[in-house]
Amino acid sequence: MNPQHPQKSEMTSLLLGAGFALASLIILPAVAQRVGLGSSLTIALRGALMRAANRL
């Protein structure tokens, strides 16, 4: 058994969470503005990304 396995799992979760947060707060609104999505749809997509991040 590898004693470092829990640390790798925690680091993976942390990186995925940070990636979802970055996508939700910065990338998604920029792309939404570029393609002309409304703010309510952008907020709904942001919520979906954050729910996906919480499931990991």
N, C-alpha and C. Protein backbone atom coordinates (compact mmCIF):
# COMPACT_ATOMS: atom_id res chain seq x y z
N MET A 1 0.83 -1.19 0.00
CA MET A 1 0.00 0.00 0.00
C MET A 1 0.88 1.25 0.00
N ASN A 2 0.47 2.22 -0.75
CA ASN A 2 1.22 3.46 -0.87
C ASN A 2 0.69 4.49 0.13
N PRO A 3 1.50 4.91 1.11
CA PRO A 3 1.02 5.87 2.09
C PRO A 3 0.78 7.26 1.52
N GLN A 4 1.31 7.57 0.33
CA GLN A 4 1.13 8.89 -0.26
C GLN A 4 -0.15 8.99 -1.09
N HIS A 5 -0.87 7.90 -1.25
CA HIS A 5 -2.07 7.91 -2.06
C HIS A 5 -3.09 8.95 -1.60
N PRO A 6 -3.39 9.08 -0.30
CA PRO A 6 -4.36 10.11 0.11
C PRO A 6 -3.90 11.53 -0.24
N GLN A 7 -2.60 11.79 -0.17
CA GLN A 7 -2.10 13.12 -0.51
C GLN A 7 -2.30 13.40 -1.99
N LYS A 8 -2.07 12.41 -2.85
CA LYS A 8 -2.27 12.60 -4.28
C LYS A 8 -3.73 12.85 -4.59
N SER A 9 -4.61 12.13 -3.89
CA SER A 9 -6.04 12.30 -4.09
C SER A 9 -6.48 13.70 -3.67
N GLU A 10 -5.97 14.18 -2.54
CA GLU A 10 -6.30 15.52 -2.08
C GLU A 10 -5.78 16.58 -3.04
N MET A 11 -4.57 16.38 -3.56
CA MET A 11 -4.00 17.35 -4.49
C MET A 11 -4.79 17.37 -5.80
N THR A 12 -5.21 16.20 -6.26
CA THR A 12 -6.01 16.13 -7.48
C THR A 12 -7.34 16.86 -7.29
N SER A 13 -7.98 16.63 -6.16
CA SER A 13 -9.24 17.30 -5.87
C SER A 13 -9.05 18.81 -5.78
N LEU A 14 -7.98 19.23 -5.15
CA LEU A 14 -7.70 20.66 -5.03
C LEU A 14 -7.48 21.29 -6.40
N LEU A 15 -6.70 20.64 -7.24
CA LEU A 15 -6.44 21.18 -8.58
C LEU A 15 -7.71 21.22 -9.43
N LEU A 16 -8.53 20.17 -9.34
CA LEU A 16 -9.78 20.17 -10.09
C LEU A 16 -10.72 21.27 -9.59
N GLY A 17 -10.80 21.43 -8.29
CA GLY A 17 -11.63 22.50 -7.73
C GLY A 17 -11.16 23.88 -8.16
N ALA A 18 -9.86 24.08 -8.14
CA ALA A 18 -9.31 25.36 -8.58
C ALA A 18 -9.58 25.59 -10.06
N GLY A 19 -9.48 24.53 -10.85
CA GLY A 19 -9.76 24.64 -12.29
C GLY A 19 -11.21 25.00 -12.54
N PHE A 20 -12.13 24.36 -11.81
CA PHE A 20 -13.55 24.69 -11.96
C PHE A 20 -13.82 26.13 -11.51
N ALA A 21 -13.19 26.56 -10.44
CA ALA A 21 -13.39 27.93 -9.98
C ALA A 21 -12.87 28.93 -11.00
N LEU A 22 -11.71 28.66 -11.57
CA LEU A 22 -11.16 29.54 -12.60
C LEU A 22 -12.08 29.59 -13.80
N ALA A 23 -12.55 28.43 -14.23
CA ALA A 23 -13.46 28.38 -15.38
C ALA A 23 -14.75 29.13 -15.08
N SER A 24 -15.26 28.95 -13.87
CA SER A 24 -16.53 29.56 -13.50
C SER A 24 -16.45 31.07 -13.38
N LEU A 25 -15.37 31.57 -12.81
CA LEU A 25 -15.28 33.00 -12.52
C LEU A 25 -14.65 33.83 -13.62
N ILE A 26 -13.79 33.24 -14.44
CA ILE A 26 -13.06 34.03 -15.42
C ILE A 26 -13.34 33.59 -16.85
N ILE A 27 -13.14 32.32 -17.12
CA ILE A 27 -13.22 31.84 -18.49
C ILE A 27 -14.66 31.83 -19.00
N LEU A 28 -15.59 31.29 -18.21
CA LEU A 28 -16.97 31.19 -18.65
C LEU A 28 -17.59 32.56 -18.98
N PRO A 29 -17.47 33.56 -18.12
CA PRO A 29 -18.05 34.86 -18.48
C PRO A 29 -17.41 35.48 -19.74
N ALA A 30 -16.11 35.28 -19.92
CA ALA A 30 -15.45 35.83 -21.10
C ALA A 30 -15.96 35.15 -22.37
N VAL A 31 -16.09 33.83 -22.33
CA VAL A 31 -16.60 33.11 -23.50
C VAL A 31 -18.07 33.46 -23.74
N ALA A 32 -18.85 33.54 -22.66
CA ALA A 32 -20.26 33.88 -22.80
C ALA A 32 -20.45 35.25 -23.43
N GLN A 33 -19.64 36.21 -23.04
CA GLN A 33 -19.73 37.54 -23.62
C GLN A 33 -19.34 37.51 -25.09
N ARG A 34 -18.32 36.73 -25.39
CA ARG A 34 -17.83 36.64 -26.77
C ARG A 34 -18.89 36.06 -27.71
N VAL A 35 -19.62 35.03 -27.24
CA VAL A 35 -20.63 34.40 -28.10
C VAL A 35 -22.01 35.02 -27.93
N GLY A 36 -22.16 35.94 -27.00
CA GLY A 36 -23.41 36.68 -26.85
C GLY A 36 -24.45 36.02 -25.98
N LEU A 37 -24.05 35.20 -25.02
CA LEU A 37 -25.00 34.61 -24.08
C LEU A 37 -25.48 35.65 -23.08
N GLY A 38 -26.71 35.52 -22.65
CA GLY A 38 -27.25 36.43 -21.66
C GLY A 38 -26.67 36.17 -20.29
N SER A 39 -26.82 37.15 -19.41
CA SER A 39 -26.25 37.01 -18.07
C SER A 39 -26.93 35.92 -17.27
N SER A 40 -28.23 35.72 -17.45
CA SER A 40 -28.91 34.68 -16.68
C SER A 40 -28.43 33.29 -17.08
N LEU A 41 -28.19 33.09 -18.36
CA LEU A 41 -27.65 31.80 -18.81
C LEU A 41 -26.22 31.61 -18.32
N THR A 42 -25.44 32.67 -18.31
CA THR A 42 -24.08 32.59 -17.80
C THR A 42 -24.07 32.22 -16.32
N ILE A 43 -24.99 32.80 -15.54
CA ILE A 43 -25.09 32.48 -14.12
C ILE A 43 -25.51 31.03 -13.93
N ALA A 44 -26.42 30.54 -14.76
CA ALA A 44 -26.85 29.15 -14.67
C ALA A 44 -25.68 28.20 -14.99
N LEU A 45 -24.90 28.53 -16.01
CA LEU A 45 -23.74 27.70 -16.34
C LEU A 45 -22.70 27.73 -15.23
N ARG A 46 -22.52 28.90 -14.62
CA ARG A 46 -21.58 29.02 -13.50
C ARG A 46 -22.03 28.15 -12.34
N GLY A 47 -23.33 28.15 -12.05
CA GLY A 47 -23.86 27.31 -10.98
C GLY A 47 -23.66 25.83 -11.27
N ALA A 48 -23.86 25.45 -12.53
CA ALA A 48 -23.66 24.05 -12.91
C ALA A 48 -22.20 23.63 -12.73
N LEU A 49 -21.27 24.51 -13.10
CA LEU A 49 -19.86 24.21 -12.92
C LEU A 49 -19.50 24.06 -11.44
N MET A 50 -20.05 24.92 -10.61
CA MET A 50 -19.73 24.85 -9.19
C MET A 50 -20.34 23.60 -8.55
N ARG A 51 -21.54 23.19 -9.00
CA ARG A 51 -22.12 21.95 -8.49
C ARG A 51 -21.27 20.76 -8.91
N ALA A 52 -20.76 20.79 -10.14
CA ALA A 52 -19.90 19.71 -10.61
C ALA A 52 -18.61 19.66 -9.79
N ALA A 53 -18.08 20.82 -9.44
CA ALA A 53 -16.86 20.86 -8.62
C ALA A 53 -17.11 20.28 -7.23
N ASN A 54 -18.30 20.52 -6.68
CA ASN A 54 -18.61 20.00 -5.35
C ASN A 54 -18.80 18.50 -5.33
N ARG A 55 -19.14 17.91 -6.45
CA ARG A 55 -19.35 16.46 -6.52
C ARG A 55 -18.04 15.69 -6.52
N LEU A 56 -16.97 16.33 -6.85
CA LEU A 56 -15.66 15.63 -6.92
C LEU A 56 -15.08 15.41 -5.57
